């Protein structure tokens, strides 16, 4: 388990480009939007402050478009999505889009990997 703050750091530094509206890499559509689902008002305030600081500092080339959305429910992914990377390490999508993110995670946050 990690803190909400740690999740925000990883999300904004290695997970994706938060300036892209409704797409990530080759995937397009609203299901690929940049979003943070917060569980309570405290998480909302932390996320708002974090986004504001990143935007003000000019960390990204464009404005952050990440949506801050209240968490309604959590649904585990289907079984075939569970551990997809581990089960399909040579799949082209994994190699091109996901392994570089894992490498960045290993470099920036080695303490978070097990």
N, C-alpha and C. Protein backbone atom coordinates (compact mmCIF):
# COMPACT_ATOMS: atom_id res chain seq x y z
N UNK A 1 0.84 -1.18 0.00
CA UNK A 1 0.00 0.00 0.00
C UNK A 1 0.88 1.23 0.00
N UNK A 2 0.42 2.24 -0.71
CA UNK A 2 1.16 3.51 -0.78
C UNK A 2 0.19 4.65 -0.49
N UNK A 3 0.74 5.79 -0.19
CA UNK A 3 -0.09 6.96 0.11
C UNK A 3 -0.69 7.54 -1.17
N UNK A 4 -1.72 8.34 -1.00
CA UNK A 4 -2.34 9.03 -2.12
C UNK A 4 -1.33 9.96 -2.79
N UNK A 5 -0.50 10.62 -1.99
CA UNK A 5 0.54 11.49 -2.53
C UNK A 5 1.52 10.73 -3.41
N UNK A 6 1.91 9.54 -2.98
CA UNK A 6 2.81 8.71 -3.79
C UNK A 6 2.13 8.30 -5.09
N UNK A 7 0.86 7.96 -5.02
CA UNK A 7 0.13 7.63 -6.25
C UNK A 7 0.14 8.80 -7.22
N UNK A 8 -0.06 10.00 -6.72
CA UNK A 8 -0.04 11.19 -7.58
C UNK A 8 1.34 11.38 -8.22
N UNK A 9 2.39 11.21 -7.43
CA UNK A 9 3.75 11.36 -7.98
C UNK A 9 3.98 10.38 -9.12
N UNK A 10 3.64 9.13 -8.92
CA UNK A 10 3.85 8.12 -9.96
C UNK A 10 2.97 8.40 -11.16
N UNK A 11 1.72 8.71 -10.90
CA UNK A 11 0.75 8.99 -11.97
C UNK A 11 1.26 10.09 -12.89
N UNK A 12 1.71 11.19 -12.31
CA UNK A 12 2.14 12.34 -13.11
C UNK A 12 3.56 12.23 -13.64
N UNK A 13 4.40 11.39 -13.06
CA UNK A 13 5.79 11.34 -13.52
C UNK A 13 6.09 10.19 -14.46
N UNK A 14 5.41 9.06 -14.33
CA UNK A 14 5.75 7.93 -15.20
C UNK A 14 4.56 7.24 -15.86
N UNK A 15 3.36 7.48 -15.41
CA UNK A 15 2.23 6.69 -15.91
C UNK A 15 1.73 7.11 -17.28
N UNK A 16 1.69 8.40 -17.54
CA UNK A 16 1.14 8.88 -18.82
C UNK A 16 1.36 10.38 -18.97
N UNK A 17 0.87 10.92 -20.07
CA UNK A 17 0.96 12.36 -20.32
C UNK A 17 -0.38 12.99 -19.92
N UNK A 18 -0.41 13.75 -18.83
CA UNK A 18 -1.66 14.31 -18.34
C UNK A 18 -2.17 15.51 -19.14
N UNK A 19 -1.47 15.87 -20.21
CA UNK A 19 -1.92 16.97 -21.06
C UNK A 19 -2.69 16.47 -22.28
N UNK A 20 -2.81 15.17 -22.44
CA UNK A 20 -3.54 14.61 -23.58
C UNK A 20 -4.99 14.38 -23.18
N UNK A 21 -5.90 14.95 -23.96
CA UNK A 21 -7.32 14.82 -23.68
C UNK A 21 -7.89 13.63 -24.44
N UNK A 22 -8.40 12.66 -23.71
CA UNK A 22 -9.08 11.50 -24.28
C UNK A 22 -8.20 10.61 -25.16
N UNK A 23 -6.91 10.56 -24.85
CA UNK A 23 -6.07 9.55 -25.49
C UNK A 23 -4.77 9.40 -24.72
N UNK A 24 -4.19 8.22 -24.87
CA UNK A 24 -2.88 7.92 -24.31
C UNK A 24 -2.18 7.02 -25.32
N UNK A 25 -1.04 7.47 -25.80
CA UNK A 25 -0.33 6.69 -26.81
C UNK A 25 -1.22 6.47 -28.02
N UNK A 26 -1.35 5.23 -28.46
CA UNK A 26 -2.14 4.95 -29.66
C UNK A 26 -3.64 4.80 -29.37
N UNK A 27 -4.03 4.86 -28.12
CA UNK A 27 -5.42 4.60 -27.72
C UNK A 27 -6.21 5.90 -27.62
N UNK A 28 -7.35 5.93 -28.30
CA UNK A 28 -8.18 7.14 -28.34
C UNK A 28 -9.60 6.83 -27.88
N UNK A 29 -10.21 7.80 -27.24
CA UNK A 29 -11.58 7.68 -26.76
C UNK A 29 -11.67 8.15 -25.32
N UNK A 30 -12.88 8.43 -24.88
CA UNK A 30 -13.06 8.95 -23.52
C UNK A 30 -12.61 7.95 -22.45
N UNK A 31 -12.61 6.66 -22.78
CA UNK A 31 -12.15 5.67 -21.80
C UNK A 31 -10.65 5.76 -21.55
N UNK A 32 -9.93 6.53 -22.37
CA UNK A 32 -8.49 6.73 -22.19
C UNK A 32 -8.17 8.13 -21.66
N UNK A 33 -9.17 8.81 -21.13
CA UNK A 33 -8.95 10.15 -20.59
C UNK A 33 -8.05 10.06 -19.36
N UNK A 34 -7.41 11.16 -19.08
CA UNK A 34 -6.60 11.27 -17.88
C UNK A 34 -7.54 11.62 -16.73
N UNK A 35 -7.61 10.77 -15.72
CA UNK A 35 -8.54 11.00 -14.61
C UNK A 35 -7.95 10.49 -13.30
N UNK A 36 -8.26 11.22 -12.26
CA UNK A 36 -7.97 10.80 -10.89
C UNK A 36 -9.32 10.64 -10.21
N UNK A 37 -9.54 9.48 -9.64
CA UNK A 37 -10.78 9.22 -8.92
C UNK A 37 -10.49 9.34 -7.43
N UNK A 38 -11.07 10.35 -6.82
CA UNK A 38 -10.79 10.61 -5.41
C UNK A 38 -11.89 10.01 -4.53
N UNK A 39 -11.48 9.56 -3.34
CA UNK A 39 -12.40 8.89 -2.43
C UNK A 39 -13.09 9.85 -1.46
N UNK A 40 -12.47 11.02 -1.22
CA UNK A 40 -13.06 11.96 -0.26
C UNK A 40 -12.57 13.37 -0.56
N UNK A 41 -13.11 14.33 0.17
CA UNK A 41 -12.76 15.73 -0.07
C UNK A 41 -11.28 16.02 0.20
N UNK A 42 -10.69 15.29 1.14
CA UNK A 42 -9.26 15.47 1.41
C UNK A 42 -8.42 15.09 0.20
N UNK A 43 -8.73 13.97 -0.42
CA UNK A 43 -8.01 13.56 -1.63
C UNK A 43 -8.24 14.56 -2.76
N UNK A 44 -9.45 15.07 -2.87
CA UNK A 44 -9.73 16.07 -3.91
C UNK A 44 -8.84 17.29 -3.72
N UNK A 45 -8.75 17.80 -2.50
CA UNK A 45 -7.94 18.99 -2.24
C UNK A 45 -6.46 18.72 -2.54
N UNK A 46 -5.97 17.55 -2.14
CA UNK A 46 -4.57 17.21 -2.41
C UNK A 46 -4.32 17.15 -3.92
N UNK A 47 -5.22 16.52 -4.66
CA UNK A 47 -5.07 16.40 -6.11
C UNK A 47 -5.15 17.76 -6.78
N UNK A 48 -6.10 18.59 -6.36
CA UNK A 48 -6.21 19.95 -6.94
C UNK A 48 -4.93 20.74 -6.70
N UNK A 49 -4.42 20.68 -5.48
CA UNK A 49 -3.19 21.40 -5.16
C UNK A 49 -2.01 20.88 -5.97
N UNK A 50 -1.93 19.58 -6.12
CA UNK A 50 -0.82 18.96 -6.85
C UNK A 50 -0.85 19.41 -8.32
N UNK A 51 -2.02 19.35 -8.93
CA UNK A 51 -2.17 19.78 -10.33
C UNK A 51 -1.82 21.26 -10.48
N UNK A 52 -2.29 22.06 -9.55
CA UNK A 52 -2.01 23.50 -9.59
C UNK A 52 -0.50 23.76 -9.52
N UNK A 53 0.19 23.07 -8.64
CA UNK A 53 1.64 23.25 -8.50
C UNK A 53 2.36 22.82 -9.78
N UNK A 54 1.97 21.69 -10.35
CA UNK A 54 2.61 21.22 -11.59
C UNK A 54 2.37 22.20 -12.73
N UNK A 55 1.13 22.67 -12.87
CA UNK A 55 0.83 23.62 -13.94
C UNK A 55 1.62 24.92 -13.75
N UNK A 56 1.64 25.43 -12.54
CA UNK A 56 2.34 26.69 -12.27
C UNK A 56 3.84 26.57 -12.53
N UNK A 57 4.39 25.39 -12.23
CA UNK A 57 5.82 25.16 -12.42
C UNK A 57 6.17 24.88 -13.89
N UNK A 58 5.15 24.68 -14.72
CA UNK A 58 5.42 24.40 -16.13
C UNK A 58 6.10 23.07 -16.36
N UNK A 59 5.76 22.10 -15.55
CA UNK A 59 6.39 20.78 -15.65
C UNK A 59 6.12 20.13 -17.00
N UNK A 60 4.94 20.36 -17.55
CA UNK A 60 4.56 19.77 -18.84
C UNK A 60 4.46 20.87 -19.89
N UNK A 61 4.58 20.48 -21.16
CA UNK A 61 4.52 21.46 -22.26
C UNK A 61 3.15 22.11 -22.36
N UNK A 62 2.11 21.38 -22.01
CA UNK A 62 0.76 21.92 -22.08
C UNK A 62 0.10 21.93 -20.71
N UNK A 63 -1.11 22.42 -20.68
CA UNK A 63 -1.90 22.45 -19.45
C UNK A 63 -2.38 21.05 -19.11
N UNK A 64 -2.39 20.72 -17.84
CA UNK A 64 -2.87 19.42 -17.38
C UNK A 64 -4.39 19.37 -17.57
N UNK A 65 -4.87 18.32 -18.23
CA UNK A 65 -6.30 18.15 -18.50
C UNK A 65 -6.90 17.00 -17.68
N UNK A 66 -6.14 16.48 -16.76
CA UNK A 66 -6.60 15.38 -15.92
C UNK A 66 -7.89 15.76 -15.20
N UNK A 67 -8.90 14.91 -15.33
CA UNK A 67 -10.17 15.15 -14.66
C UNK A 67 -10.08 14.66 -13.21
N UNK A 68 -10.67 15.41 -12.31
CA UNK A 68 -10.79 14.98 -10.92
C UNK A 68 -12.24 14.57 -10.72
N UNK A 69 -12.44 13.28 -10.48
CA UNK A 69 -13.77 12.70 -10.49
C UNK A 69 -14.01 11.92 -9.20
N UNK A 70 -15.18 12.09 -8.58
CA UNK A 70 -15.45 11.31 -7.37
C UNK A 70 -15.53 9.82 -7.69
N UNK A 71 -14.93 9.02 -6.83
CA UNK A 71 -14.97 7.57 -6.98
C UNK A 71 -16.36 7.07 -6.62
N UNK A 72 -17.01 6.44 -7.56
CA UNK A 72 -18.35 5.88 -7.33
C UNK A 72 -18.27 4.42 -6.89
N UNK A 73 -17.41 3.66 -7.56
CA UNK A 73 -17.25 2.24 -7.26
C UNK A 73 -15.94 1.78 -7.87
N UNK A 74 -15.46 0.65 -7.42
CA UNK A 74 -14.27 0.05 -7.99
C UNK A 74 -14.64 -1.33 -8.51
N UNK A 75 -14.23 -1.60 -9.74
CA UNK A 75 -14.51 -2.89 -10.36
C UNK A 75 -13.18 -3.51 -10.80
N UNK A 76 -12.85 -4.68 -10.27
CA UNK A 76 -11.62 -5.34 -10.73
C UNK A 76 -11.74 -5.66 -12.23
N UNK A 77 -10.61 -5.61 -12.91
CA UNK A 77 -10.60 -5.95 -14.33
C UNK A 77 -10.90 -7.44 -14.50
N UNK A 78 -11.30 -7.78 -15.72
CA UNK A 78 -11.56 -9.16 -16.04
C UNK A 78 -10.30 -9.99 -15.84
N UNK A 79 -10.47 -11.30 -15.63
CA UNK A 79 -9.32 -12.17 -15.39
C UNK A 79 -8.25 -12.07 -16.46
N UNK A 80 -8.64 -11.95 -17.73
CA UNK A 80 -7.64 -11.92 -18.80
C UNK A 80 -6.81 -10.63 -18.78
N UNK A 81 -7.25 -9.61 -18.05
CA UNK A 81 -6.46 -8.40 -17.90
C UNK A 81 -5.51 -8.47 -16.70
N UNK A 82 -5.78 -9.35 -15.76
CA UNK A 82 -4.95 -9.46 -14.56
C UNK A 82 -3.55 -9.96 -14.93
N UNK A 83 -2.52 -9.27 -14.45
CA UNK A 83 -1.12 -9.64 -14.71
C UNK A 83 -0.83 -9.76 -16.20
N UNK A 84 -1.47 -8.93 -17.01
CA UNK A 84 -1.33 -9.01 -18.46
C UNK A 84 0.12 -8.86 -18.91
N UNK A 85 0.82 -7.90 -18.35
CA UNK A 85 2.21 -7.68 -18.73
C UNK A 85 3.06 -8.90 -18.41
N UNK A 86 2.89 -9.46 -17.24
CA UNK A 86 3.69 -10.64 -16.86
C UNK A 86 3.39 -11.83 -17.76
N UNK A 87 2.16 -11.98 -18.17
CA UNK A 87 1.78 -13.11 -19.01
C UNK A 87 2.07 -12.87 -20.50
N UNK A 88 2.28 -11.62 -20.91
CA UNK A 88 2.49 -11.27 -22.31
C UNK A 88 3.65 -10.30 -22.48
N UNK A 89 4.83 -10.62 -21.97
CA UNK A 89 5.92 -9.65 -21.97
C UNK A 89 6.43 -9.26 -23.36
N UNK A 90 6.17 -10.07 -24.37
CA UNK A 90 6.66 -9.78 -25.71
C UNK A 90 5.58 -9.25 -26.65
N UNK A 91 4.40 -9.04 -26.13
CA UNK A 91 3.32 -8.51 -26.96
C UNK A 91 3.73 -7.10 -27.39
N UNK A 92 3.60 -6.76 -28.68
CA UNK A 92 4.11 -5.46 -29.18
C UNK A 92 3.61 -4.24 -28.40
N UNK A 93 2.35 -4.20 -28.02
CA UNK A 93 1.85 -3.06 -27.26
C UNK A 93 2.61 -2.92 -25.95
N UNK A 94 2.83 -4.04 -25.28
CA UNK A 94 3.56 -4.04 -24.01
C UNK A 94 4.98 -3.52 -24.22
N UNK A 95 5.65 -4.04 -25.23
CA UNK A 95 7.05 -3.67 -25.50
C UNK A 95 7.16 -2.18 -25.83
N UNK A 96 6.27 -1.68 -26.67
CA UNK A 96 6.36 -0.29 -27.14
C UNK A 96 5.88 0.72 -26.10
N UNK A 97 4.75 0.44 -25.47
CA UNK A 97 4.12 1.45 -24.61
C UNK A 97 4.29 1.23 -23.11
N UNK A 98 4.35 -0.01 -22.66
CA UNK A 98 4.36 -0.25 -21.22
C UNK A 98 5.74 -0.49 -20.61
N UNK A 99 6.60 -1.23 -21.30
CA UNK A 99 7.92 -1.49 -20.73
C UNK A 99 8.71 -0.21 -20.48
N UNK A 100 8.62 0.81 -21.34
CA UNK A 100 9.32 2.06 -21.00
C UNK A 100 8.79 2.70 -19.71
N UNK A 101 7.50 2.54 -19.44
CA UNK A 101 6.95 3.08 -18.20
C UNK A 101 7.46 2.30 -16.99
N UNK A 102 7.58 0.99 -17.14
CA UNK A 102 8.11 0.16 -16.06
C UNK A 102 9.58 0.54 -15.80
N UNK A 103 10.34 0.76 -16.87
CA UNK A 103 11.74 1.17 -16.71
C UNK A 103 11.83 2.51 -15.98
N UNK A 104 10.95 3.44 -16.33
CA UNK A 104 10.94 4.74 -15.64
C UNK A 104 10.56 4.58 -14.18
N UNK A 105 9.61 3.70 -13.91
CA UNK A 105 9.20 3.44 -12.52
C UNK A 105 10.37 2.84 -11.74
N UNK A 106 11.06 1.89 -12.34
CA UNK A 106 12.22 1.27 -11.67
C UNK A 106 13.30 2.30 -11.38
N UNK A 107 13.51 3.24 -12.30
CA UNK A 107 14.54 4.26 -12.12
C UNK A 107 14.13 5.29 -11.07
N UNK A 108 12.89 5.79 -11.16
CA UNK A 108 12.45 6.88 -10.29
C UNK A 108 11.98 6.41 -8.91
N UNK A 109 11.38 5.23 -8.85
CA UNK A 109 10.78 4.75 -7.60
C UNK A 109 11.09 3.29 -7.34
N UNK A 110 12.35 2.91 -7.26
CA UNK A 110 12.69 1.49 -7.07
C UNK A 110 12.10 0.90 -5.79
N UNK A 111 11.90 1.74 -4.80
CA UNK A 111 11.37 1.27 -3.51
C UNK A 111 9.91 0.81 -3.63
N UNK A 112 9.24 1.18 -4.69
CA UNK A 112 7.83 0.81 -4.84
C UNK A 112 7.63 -0.54 -5.53
N UNK A 113 8.70 -1.08 -6.09
CA UNK A 113 8.58 -2.35 -6.82
C UNK A 113 8.88 -3.52 -5.90
N UNK A 114 8.22 -4.62 -6.21
CA UNK A 114 8.53 -5.84 -5.46
C UNK A 114 8.64 -6.99 -6.41
